[in-house]
């Protein structure tokens, strides 16, 4: 989504002769008639992979706009490339660039929303990072399906630099299905690495550009589990979650300490998961029996709520790699209800769950950016929702919420819960706290 509220979607068309990319945008995405679409806007024909992200900040004069990355092979080009689009509604702001290196066996392009970074090895380079996977020729030796991290100077004139993985540390080649998430000062990545003997594994690497921008040499990397089709999300500076499929199950491996330790949870049976963090809530999707389901976690991926079916016609969701994408603007998926593989959009059913509490004292924090008045809390008990007052009257929870004043080192009665602060609540019964919307 851009800074004007336009939701932007990219997809690759399936045609007889080639696979051109299309871009569409809408400021009222739930209305199918509001979408403005451009088919093959770059005139390049065959695309192997295409991904888009909104890049902005953190400095005022940093690039602000859409950043599209792609792999192409149309008989003339076998390259990677990118485009910068500062205004999706004005095609005169659309710029197309192709990296000069000729590629072979190019398979994946990946990028995520975020900002620009300096490069400690190349001071003239400042811009976003993205990933490609292709056969890399390293001094005459081919590294098959090698992850390559690109750092693009945009909108400057210094091109960019790339860091390939020569396999000195964690093995990533051959790699499949990369994903990444960009935070203010770091980038988390996940790829599927397939070993002919031991099977498929998920490799996590964290890039902190101010420490080490080289994908191969980052000190933060590990092969964390067996599995396929990883998708990654992160928030704040400690929380990282990767969802993946493993023998028919959708699992989540999560870290509450920025990759130091990992814990695995089972979400459901299914395939081709995705995950995205909004505030402090994780939203994960998966496909099962031709349907698209969404679940949420309010504790960093340790536990997950009940699934919500997103598609309103049963059995129409196409179960393919990267056929679903979650964003705070909504969720898109490939659907065949009309006899074709079409792109569908839905707004996210935003979670109002704050946390579950056990009988006795509980320390809680609200997983939203906005403060919440105590009277705007609701309590779910035995499947029924109660207002805060009714929950107190019925003896489910104590009326008093205790905060801590750091300045005078004393407890106080809190009527408003501030984002990021901790509070003590006493529950007489196990229940779930929600915000009223």
Protein backbone atom coordinates (compact mmCIF):
# COMPACT_ATOMS: atom_id res chain seq x y z
CA UNK A 1 0.00 0.00 0.00
CA UNK A 2 1.36 3.42 -0.92
CA UNK A 3 1.29 6.65 1.07
CA UNK A 4 -1.98 7.70 -0.61
CA UNK A 5 -3.86 4.61 0.56
CA UNK A 6 -3.76 2.77 -2.76
CA UNK A 7 -3.58 -0.99 -2.39
CA UNK A 8 -1.22 -2.31 -5.09
CA UNK A 9 -1.12 -5.90 -6.32
CA UNK A 10 1.23 -7.52 -8.84
CA UNK A 11 0.67 -10.83 -10.58
CA UNK A 12 2.03 -12.84 -13.51
CA UNK A 13 -0.43 -13.68 -16.27
CA UNK A 14 -0.62 -17.13 -17.81
CA UNK A 15 -0.72 -16.86 -21.60
CA UNK A 16 0.06 -19.14 -24.52
CA UNK A 17 3.20 -17.35 -25.62
CA UNK A 18 4.70 -15.67 -22.56
CA UNK A 19 4.05 -14.68 -18.94
CA UNK A 20 3.79 -10.89 -18.71
CA UNK A 21 3.36 -9.19 -15.37
CA UNK A 22 0.38 -7.02 -14.45
CA UNK A 23 -0.01 -4.29 -11.86
CA UNK A 24 -3.28 -3.18 -10.35
CA UNK A 25 -4.23 -0.62 -7.73
CA UNK A 26 -7.32 0.62 -5.94
CA UNK A 27 -8.13 3.01 -3.11
CA UNK A 28 -11.32 1.03 -2.47
CA UNK A 29 -10.03 -2.52 -2.90
CA UNK A 30 -13.18 -4.31 -1.71
CA UNK A 31 -14.99 -2.91 -4.75
CA UNK A 32 -13.98 -5.04 -7.77
CA UNK A 33 -14.90 -2.26 -10.18
CA UNK A 34 -12.48 0.19 -8.58
CA UNK A 35 -9.30 -1.59 -9.67
CA UNK A 36 -7.15 0.04 -12.35
CA UNK A 37 -4.98 -2.56 -14.08
CA UNK A 38 -1.94 -2.41 -16.34
CA UNK A 39 -1.07 -5.53 -18.34
CA UNK A 40 2.59 -5.96 -19.28
CA UNK A 41 3.45 -2.35 -18.35
CA UNK A 42 7.16 -2.94 -18.98
CA UNK A 43 6.75 -4.74 -22.30
CA UNK A 44 9.22 -7.47 -21.36
CA UNK A 45 7.24 -10.65 -21.89
CA UNK A 46 8.30 -13.65 -19.79
CA UNK A 47 8.69 -13.12 -16.04
CA UNK A 48 9.92 -15.90 -13.81
CA UNK A 49 9.21 -14.08 -10.58
CA UNK A 50 8.00 -10.65 -9.52
CA UNK A 51 7.63 -8.97 -6.13
CA UNK A 52 6.81 -5.45 -4.94
CA UNK A 53 7.30 -3.38 -1.79
CA UNK A 54 6.74 0.15 -0.53
CA UNK A 55 10.05 1.80 0.41
CA UNK A 56 10.16 4.93 2.56
CA UNK A 57 12.65 6.59 4.90
CA UNK A 58 14.06 6.64 7.40
CA UNK A 59 15.73 9.87 6.20
CA UNK A 60 13.68 12.63 4.61
CA UNK A 61 15.62 12.53 1.34
CA UNK A 62 15.57 8.71 1.06
CA UNK A 63 13.66 7.12 -1.80
CA UNK A 64 9.90 6.94 -1.29
CA UNK A 65 7.92 4.81 -3.67
CA UNK A 66 7.18 1.38 -5.02
CA UNK A 67 10.17 -0.91 -5.53
CA UNK A 68 9.54 -3.82 -7.93
CA UNK A 69 12.07 -6.62 -8.36
CA UNK A 70 11.89 -9.36 -10.97
CA UNK A 71 13.59 -12.05 -13.00
CA UNK A 72 13.00 -12.09 -16.74
CA UNK A 73 13.67 -14.40 -19.68
CA UNK A 74 12.04 -13.39 -22.94
CA UNK A 75 14.51 -14.55 -25.57
CA UNK A 76 16.51 -11.35 -25.37
CA UNK A 77 16.94 -10.82 -21.64
CA UNK A 78 17.95 -13.37 -19.02
CA UNK A 79 18.47 -10.94 -16.21
CA UNK A 80 17.31 -9.58 -12.91
CA UNK A 81 15.86 -6.11 -12.76
CA UNK A 82 13.93 -3.58 -10.77
CA UNK A 83 11.64 -0.64 -11.28
CA UNK A 84 10.95 2.44 -9.20
CA UNK A 85 7.45 3.90 -9.18
CA UNK A 86 6.94 7.04 -7.13
CA UNK A 87 3.29 7.46 -8.15
CA UNK A 88 1.28 4.41 -9.17
CA UNK A 89 -1.36 6.65 -10.74
CA UNK A 90 1.14 8.40 -13.05
CA UNK A 91 2.96 6.12 -15.50
CA UNK A 92 5.47 8.86 -16.30
CA UNK A 93 7.01 8.14 -12.86
CA UNK A 94 7.55 4.48 -13.72
CA UNK A 95 11.21 3.63 -14.32
CA UNK A 96 12.59 0.30 -15.45
CA UNK A 97 16.17 -1.00 -14.98
CA UNK A 98 17.91 -4.26 -15.82
CA UNK A 99 21.05 -5.54 -14.13
CA UNK A 100 23.71 -6.29 -16.72
CA UNK A 101 24.66 -9.75 -15.48
CA UNK A 102 23.35 -12.57 -17.68
CA UNK A 103 21.65 -15.20 -15.51
CA UNK A 104 20.83 -18.90 -15.79
CA UNK A 105 18.17 -20.89 -13.98
CA UNK A 106 16.70 -17.82 -12.32
CA UNK A 107 13.77 -18.79 -10.10
CA UNK A 108 12.81 -16.33 -7.34
CA UNK A 109 12.66 -12.61 -6.57
CA UNK A 110 11.75 -11.33 -3.12
CA UNK A 111 11.48 -7.94 -1.39
CA UNK A 112 9.63 -6.47 1.59
CA UNK A 113 8.32 -3.10 2.73
CA UNK A 114 10.89 -1.05 4.59
CA UNK A 115 13.44 1.70 4.29
CA UNK A 116 16.88 2.46 2.95
CA UNK A 117 20.25 1.44 4.39
CA UNK A 118 23.85 2.53 4.01
CA UNK A 119 26.41 -0.02 2.88
CA UNK A 120 29.51 -0.15 5.06
CA UNK A 121 31.61 -1.54 2.19
CA UNK A 122 30.31 0.78 -0.53
CA UNK A 123 29.65 4.25 0.93
CA UNK A 124 28.00 5.51 -2.27
CA UNK A 125 25.24 2.91 -2.04
CA UNK A 126 22.09 3.71 -0.08
CA UNK A 127 18.76 2.03 -0.62
CA UNK A 128 16.71 -1.12 -0.01
CA UNK A 129 17.76 -4.77 -0.04
CA UNK A 130 16.11 -7.61 -1.93
CA UNK A 131 16.81 -11.27 -2.74
CA UNK A 132 17.14 -13.26 -5.95
CA UNK A 133 17.81 -16.95 -6.47
CA UNK A 134 19.61 -18.21 -9.56
CA UNK A 135 22.60 -20.32 -10.62
CA UNK A 136 25.65 -18.32 -9.59
CA UNK A 137 28.93 -18.73 -11.48
CA UNK A 138 31.67 -18.45 -8.86
CA UNK A 139 35.07 -18.53 -10.59
CA UNK A 140 33.85 -21.14 -13.05
CA UNK A 141 32.02 -23.21 -10.44
CA UNK A 142 28.23 -23.14 -10.50
CA UNK A 143 26.42 -22.71 -7.18
CA UNK A 144 22.96 -24.01 -8.09
CA UNK A 145 19.95 -21.93 -7.07
CA UNK A 146 22.10 -19.64 -4.97
CA UNK A 147 20.57 -16.93 -2.74
CA UNK A 148 21.90 -13.51 -3.72
CA UNK A 149 21.21 -10.39 -1.67
CA UNK A 150 21.07 -7.19 -3.71
CA UNK A 151 21.53 -3.68 -2.30
CA UNK A 152 20.23 -1.07 -4.74
CA UNK A 153 21.14 2.62 -4.79
CA UNK A 154 17.75 4.10 -5.50
CA UNK A 155 17.08 6.73 -6.73
CA UNK A 156 20.82 7.44 -6.98
CA UNK A 157 23.02 6.78 -9.96
CA UNK A 158 25.46 4.31 -8.42
CA UNK A 159 23.66 1.12 -9.37
CA UNK A 160 24.04 -1.38 -6.59
CA UNK A 161 26.00 -4.24 -5.12
CA UNK A 162 25.15 -7.88 -4.51
CA UNK A 163 26.27 -10.45 -1.96
CA UNK A 164 26.05 -14.12 -2.96
CA UNK A 165 26.26 -17.12 -0.68
CA UNK A 166 29.40 -19.14 -1.46
CA UNK A 167 28.29 -21.71 1.16
CA UNK A 168 31.05 -21.05 3.70
CA UNK A 169 28.69 -21.36 6.66
CA UNK A 170 25.04 -22.48 6.68
CA UNK A 171 24.27 -24.38 3.49
CA UNK A 172 21.56 -22.73 1.40
CA UNK A 173 22.17 -24.11 -2.11
CA UNK A 174 19.99 -25.25 -3.76
CA UNK A 175 17.55 -22.74 -2.31
CA UNK A 176 13.84 -22.30 -2.91
CA UNK A 177 11.00 -20.01 -1.90
CA UNK A 178 12.85 -17.13 -0.18
CA UNK A 179 11.08 -14.64 2.04
CA UNK A 180 12.27 -11.58 3.92
CA UNK A 181 11.04 -8.88 6.29
CA UNK A 182 12.72 -5.51 6.74
CA UNK A 183 12.73 -3.73 10.10
CA UNK A 184 14.25 -0.37 10.96
CA UNK A 185 17.83 -1.60 11.36
CA UNK A 186 17.80 -5.25 10.29
CA UNK A 187 16.47 -7.70 7.72
CA UNK A 188 15.31 -11.22 8.53
CA UNK A 189 15.38 -13.80 5.74
CA UNK A 190 14.24 -17.39 5.35
CA UNK A 191 14.90 -19.87 2.54
CA UNK A 192 14.17 -23.52 1.94
CA UNK A 193 17.39 -25.50 1.50
CA UNK A 194 17.07 -29.01 0.09
CA UNK A 195 19.71 -31.61 0.83
CA UNK A 196 19.62 -34.74 -1.33
CA UNK A 197 20.16 -36.95 1.73
CA UNK A 198 18.45 -35.22 4.64
CA UNK A 199 15.60 -33.46 2.83
CA UNK A 200 14.32 -29.89 3.07
CA UNK A 201 15.37 -27.48 5.79
CA UNK A 202 14.58 -23.88 6.76
CA UNK A 203 17.58 -21.56 6.95
CA UNK A 204 17.24 -18.24 8.78
CA UNK A 205 19.66 -15.37 8.33
CA UNK A 206 19.51 -11.91 9.88
CA UNK A 207 21.27 -9.06 8.11
CA UNK A 208 22.23 -6.02 10.16
CA UNK A 209 23.71 -3.73 7.48
CA UNK A 210 25.60 -1.59 9.97
CA UNK A 211 27.42 -4.74 11.18
CA UNK A 212 27.67 -7.02 8.15
CA UNK A 213 25.60 -6.63 4.96
CA UNK A 214 27.06 -9.75 3.31
CA UNK A 215 24.46 -12.53 3.22
CA UNK A 216 27.15 -15.21 3.40
CA UNK A 217 29.10 -13.76 6.31
CA UNK A 218 26.39 -12.39 8.58
CA UNK A 219 27.09 -13.63 12.12
CA UNK A 220 23.37 -14.23 12.62
CA UNK A 221 22.40 -17.42 10.79
CA UNK A 222 21.19 -20.91 11.54
CA UNK A 223 19.48 -23.94 10.02
CA UNK A 224 16.55 -23.98 12.41
CA UNK A 225 14.22 -26.81 11.37
CA UNK A 226 13.13 -29.25 8.69
CA UNK A 227 10.37 -28.08 6.37
CA UNK A 228 9.29 -26.37 3.17
CA UNK A 229 7.80 -23.11 1.87
CA UNK A 230 8.85 -20.72 4.66
CA UNK A 231 7.29 -17.31 5.20
CA UNK A 232 8.73 -14.89 7.75
CA UNK A 233 7.43 -12.03 9.89
CA UNK A 234 8.98 -9.93 12.64
CA UNK A 235 8.13 -7.01 14.88
CA UNK A 236 9.87 -4.83 17.43
CA UNK A 237 13.47 -6.02 17.78
CA UNK A 238 13.03 -9.41 19.44
CA UNK A 239 10.09 -11.18 17.80
CA UNK A 240 10.64 -13.35 14.72
CA UNK A 241 8.28 -16.03 13.39
CA UNK A 242 8.58 -18.37 10.42
CA UNK A 243 5.63 -20.46 9.27
CA UNK A 244 6.24 -23.45 7.02
CA UNK A 245 4.81 -26.81 6.00
CA UNK A 246 6.17 -30.11 7.24
CA UNK A 247 4.63 -33.45 6.26
CA UNK A 248 1.17 -31.98 5.75
CA UNK A 249 1.25 -29.79 8.85
CA UNK A 250 1.53 -26.02 9.05
CA UNK A 251 4.02 -25.16 11.78
CA UNK A 252 5.50 -22.02 13.24
CA UNK A 253 9.01 -21.70 14.61
CA UNK A 254 9.37 -18.50 16.57
CA UNK A 255 11.93 -16.58 18.56
CA UNK A 256 11.29 -14.06 21.31
CA UNK A 257 14.96 -13.04 21.49
CA UNK A 258 15.81 -12.05 17.91
CA UNK A 259 16.89 -15.49 16.77
CA UNK A 260 18.78 -16.62 19.85
CA UNK A 261 16.35 -19.42 20.72
CA UNK A 262 13.51 -21.00 18.76
CA UNK A 263 10.24 -22.69 19.75
CA UNK A 264 7.97 -24.72 17.45
CA UNK A 265 4.17 -24.78 17.49
CA UNK A 266 1.65 -26.57 15.24
CA UNK A 267 -0.98 -24.39 13.59
CA UNK A 268 -3.04 -26.86 11.54
CA UNK A 269 -2.90 -29.30 8.67
CA UNK A 270 -2.59 -27.61 5.29
CA UNK A 271 -0.15 -26.20 2.76
CA UNK A 272 1.52 -23.04 1.41
CA UNK A 273 1.42 -20.77 4.48
CA UNK A 274 2.08 -17.05 4.77
CA UNK A 275 2.54 -14.77 7.78
CA UNK A 276 2.51 -11.05 8.53
CA UNK A 277 2.82 -8.96 11.70
CA UNK A 278 0.49 -6.04 12.43
CA UNK A 279 1.34 -4.22 15.65
CA UNK A 280 2.15 -7.16 17.95
CA UNK A 281 -0.25 -9.66 16.35
CA UNK A 282 0.83 -12.34 13.89
CA UNK A 283 -1.57 -13.22 11.07
CA UNK A 284 -0.91 -16.53 9.34
CA UNK A 285 -2.74 -18.07 6.40
CA UNK A 286 -2.76 -21.58 4.96
CA UNK A 287 -4.70 -23.57 2.38
CA UNK A 288 -6.64 -26.71 3.26
CA UNK A 289 -9.19 -28.60 1.13
CA UNK A 290 -9.31 -25.78 -1.39
CA UNK A 291 -10.08 -23.14 1.24
CA UNK A 292 -8.02 -20.27 2.62
CA UNK A 293 -7.82 -19.95 6.39
CA UNK A 294 -6.45 -17.19 8.62
CA UNK A 295 -5.31 -17.57 12.23
CA UNK A 296 -3.75 -15.12 14.67
CA UNK A 297 -1.22 -15.27 17.48
CA UNK A 298 -0.88 -12.66 20.21
CA UNK A 299 2.17 -14.22 21.90
CA UNK A 300 4.74 -14.18 19.13
CA UNK A 301 3.72 -17.47 17.51
CA UNK A 302 3.69 -19.74 20.55
CA UNK A 303 -0.09 -20.24 20.41
CA UNK A 304 -2.67 -19.69 17.68
CA UNK A 305 -6.37 -18.92 17.66
CA UNK A 306 -9.24 -20.55 15.80
CA UNK A 307 -9.13 -20.40 11.98
CA UNK A 308 -11.35 -18.09 9.95
CA UNK A 309 -12.21 -19.08 6.38
CA UNK A 310 -11.50 -16.18 4.01
CA UNK A 311 -12.93 -17.39 0.68
CA UNK A 312 -16.73 -17.39 0.53
CA UNK A 313 -17.07 -20.16 -2.08
CA UNK A 314 -15.82 -23.50 -0.85
CA UNK A 315 -13.00 -25.33 -2.59
CA UNK A 316 -11.91 -22.58 -4.97
CA UNK A 317 -8.51 -21.52 -3.63
CA UNK A 318 -5.59 -22.60 -5.80
CA UNK A 319 -2.98 -24.39 -3.69
CA UNK A 320 0.30 -23.26 -5.23
CA UNK A 321 3.54 -21.80 -3.98
CA UNK A 322 3.16 -18.08 -3.23
CA UNK A 323 -0.49 -18.06 -4.30
CA UNK A 324 -1.43 -16.16 -1.12
CA UNK A 325 -0.02 -12.90 0.25
CA UNK A 326 -0.90 -11.14 3.51
CA UNK A 327 -0.36 -7.45 4.16
CA UNK A 328 -1.86 -4.95 6.57
CA UNK A 329 -3.80 -3.65 3.55
CA UNK A 330 -5.50 -7.05 3.14
CA UNK A 331 -5.03 -10.56 1.79
CA UNK A 332 -4.87 -11.68 -1.86
CA UNK A 333 -5.05 -15.19 -3.27
CA UNK A 334 -5.46 -17.14 -6.49
CA UNK A 335 -9.02 -18.43 -6.96
CA UNK A 336 -10.53 -20.59 -9.72
CA UNK A 337 -14.25 -20.27 -8.94
CA UNK A 338 -14.88 -18.69 -12.35
CA UNK A 339 -12.99 -21.33 -14.33
CA UNK A 340 -9.78 -19.30 -14.47
CA UNK A 341 -6.96 -18.58 -12.08
CA UNK A 342 -8.12 -15.14 -10.89
CA UNK A 343 -6.78 -12.81 -8.21
CA UNK A 344 -9.12 -12.18 -5.27
CA UNK A 345 -8.80 -9.64 -2.47
CA UNK A 346 -10.25 -9.43 1.02
CA UNK A 347 -9.73 -7.10 3.93
CA UNK A 348 -8.25 -8.76 6.99
CA UNK A 349 -10.57 -9.64 9.85
CA UNK A 350 -8.52 -7.64 12.35
CA UNK A 351 -8.04 -9.41 15.66
CA UNK A 352 -9.32 -7.68 18.78
CA UNK A 353 -7.79 -10.22 21.16
CA UNK A 354 -5.40 -8.78 23.73
CA UNK A 355 -4.41 -11.89 25.67
CA UNK A 356 -5.69 -14.91 27.54
CA UNK A 357 -5.43 -14.84 31.32
CA UNK A 358 -5.33 -17.66 33.83
CA UNK A 359 -6.92 -17.85 37.25
CA UNK A 360 -4.87 -15.69 39.60
CA UNK A 361 -2.49 -12.81 38.91
CA UNK A 362 -1.53 -12.03 35.33
CA UNK A 363 0.89 -9.52 33.85
CA UNK A 364 -0.37 -8.25 30.49
CA UNK A 365 0.47 -5.73 27.78
CA UNK A 366 -1.73 -4.57 24.91
CA UNK A 367 -0.52 -5.64 21.43
CA UNK A 368 -1.70 -2.46 19.68
CA UNK A 369 -0.17 0.92 18.98
CA UNK A 370 -3.03 2.87 20.57
CA UNK A 371 -3.89 3.10 24.30
CA UNK A 372 -7.14 1.48 25.45
CA UNK A 373 -9.42 2.68 28.23
CA UNK A 374 -10.31 -0.03 30.73
CA UNK A 375 -14.02 0.43 30.05
CA UNK A 376 -13.36 -0.47 26.40
CA UNK A 377 -12.11 -3.91 27.36
CA UNK A 378 -14.37 -6.91 26.98
CA UNK A 379 -13.99 -10.36 28.50
CA UNK A 380 -14.70 -13.67 26.77
CA UNK A 381 -15.68 -16.45 29.14
CA UNK A 382 -16.94 -19.87 28.06
CA UNK A 383 -17.49 -18.63 24.51
CA UNK A 384 -19.53 -15.56 25.51
CA UNK A 385 -18.43 -11.91 25.45
CA UNK A 386 -19.08 -9.63 28.40
CA UNK A 387 -18.45 -5.93 28.89
CA UNK A 388 -15.82 -5.07 31.46
CA UNK A 389 -18.49 -4.07 33.97
CA UNK A 390 -20.51 -7.24 33.47
CA UNK A 391 -17.37 -9.38 33.75
CA UNK A 392 -16.58 -7.72 37.08
CA UNK A 393 -20.18 -8.14 38.30
CA UNK A 394 -20.23 -11.81 37.30
CA UNK A 395 -17.03 -12.47 39.20
CA UNK A 396 -14.82 -13.34 36.25
CA UNK A 397 -12.22 -10.64 36.83
CA UNK A 398 -11.22 -8.04 39.42
CA UNK A 399 -12.11 -4.45 38.59
CA UNK A 400 -8.69 -3.04 39.48
CA UNK A 401 -5.84 -2.88 36.98
CA UNK A 402 -2.45 -2.10 38.49
CA UNK A 403 0.26 -0.17 36.68
CA UNK A 404 3.76 0.76 37.82
CA UNK A 405 5.05 4.32 38.04
CA UNK A 406 8.76 4.20 37.22
CA UNK A 407 9.39 7.69 38.54
CA UNK A 408 8.10 7.24 42.06
CA UNK A 409 8.57 3.44 42.11
CA UNK A 410 5.00 2.74 43.13
CA UNK A 411 1.87 0.93 41.92
CA UNK A 412 -1.18 2.88 40.76
CA UNK A 413 -4.73 2.11 39.64
CA UNK A 414 -4.77 2.27 35.84
CA UNK A 415 -7.87 3.38 33.95
CA UNK A 416 -6.02 3.50 30.62
CA UNK A 417 -3.63 0.85 29.31
CA UNK A 418 -0.76 2.35 27.35
CA UNK A 419 0.91 0.53 24.47
CA UNK A 420 4.12 -1.20 25.52
CA UNK A 421 3.55 -0.95 29.27
CA UNK A 422 2.93 -3.86 31.61
CA UNK A 423 -0.10 -4.18 33.92
CA UNK A 424 -1.25 -6.60 36.60
CA UNK A 425 -4.77 -8.05 36.48
CA UNK A 426 -6.37 -10.61 38.79
CA UNK A 427 -8.74 -13.13 37.17
CA UNK A 428 -11.13 -15.31 39.15
CA UNK A 429 -11.72 -17.49 36.08
CA UNK A 430 -9.61 -18.30 32.99
CA UNK A 431 -10.80 -15.93 30.26
CA UNK A 432 -9.72 -13.82 27.29
CA UNK A 433 -9.34 -10.04 27.20
CA UNK A 434 -10.40 -8.20 24.05
CA UNK A 435 -10.74 -4.62 22.92
CA UNK A 436 -14.17 -3.30 21.97
CA UNK A 437 -14.39 -1.84 18.45
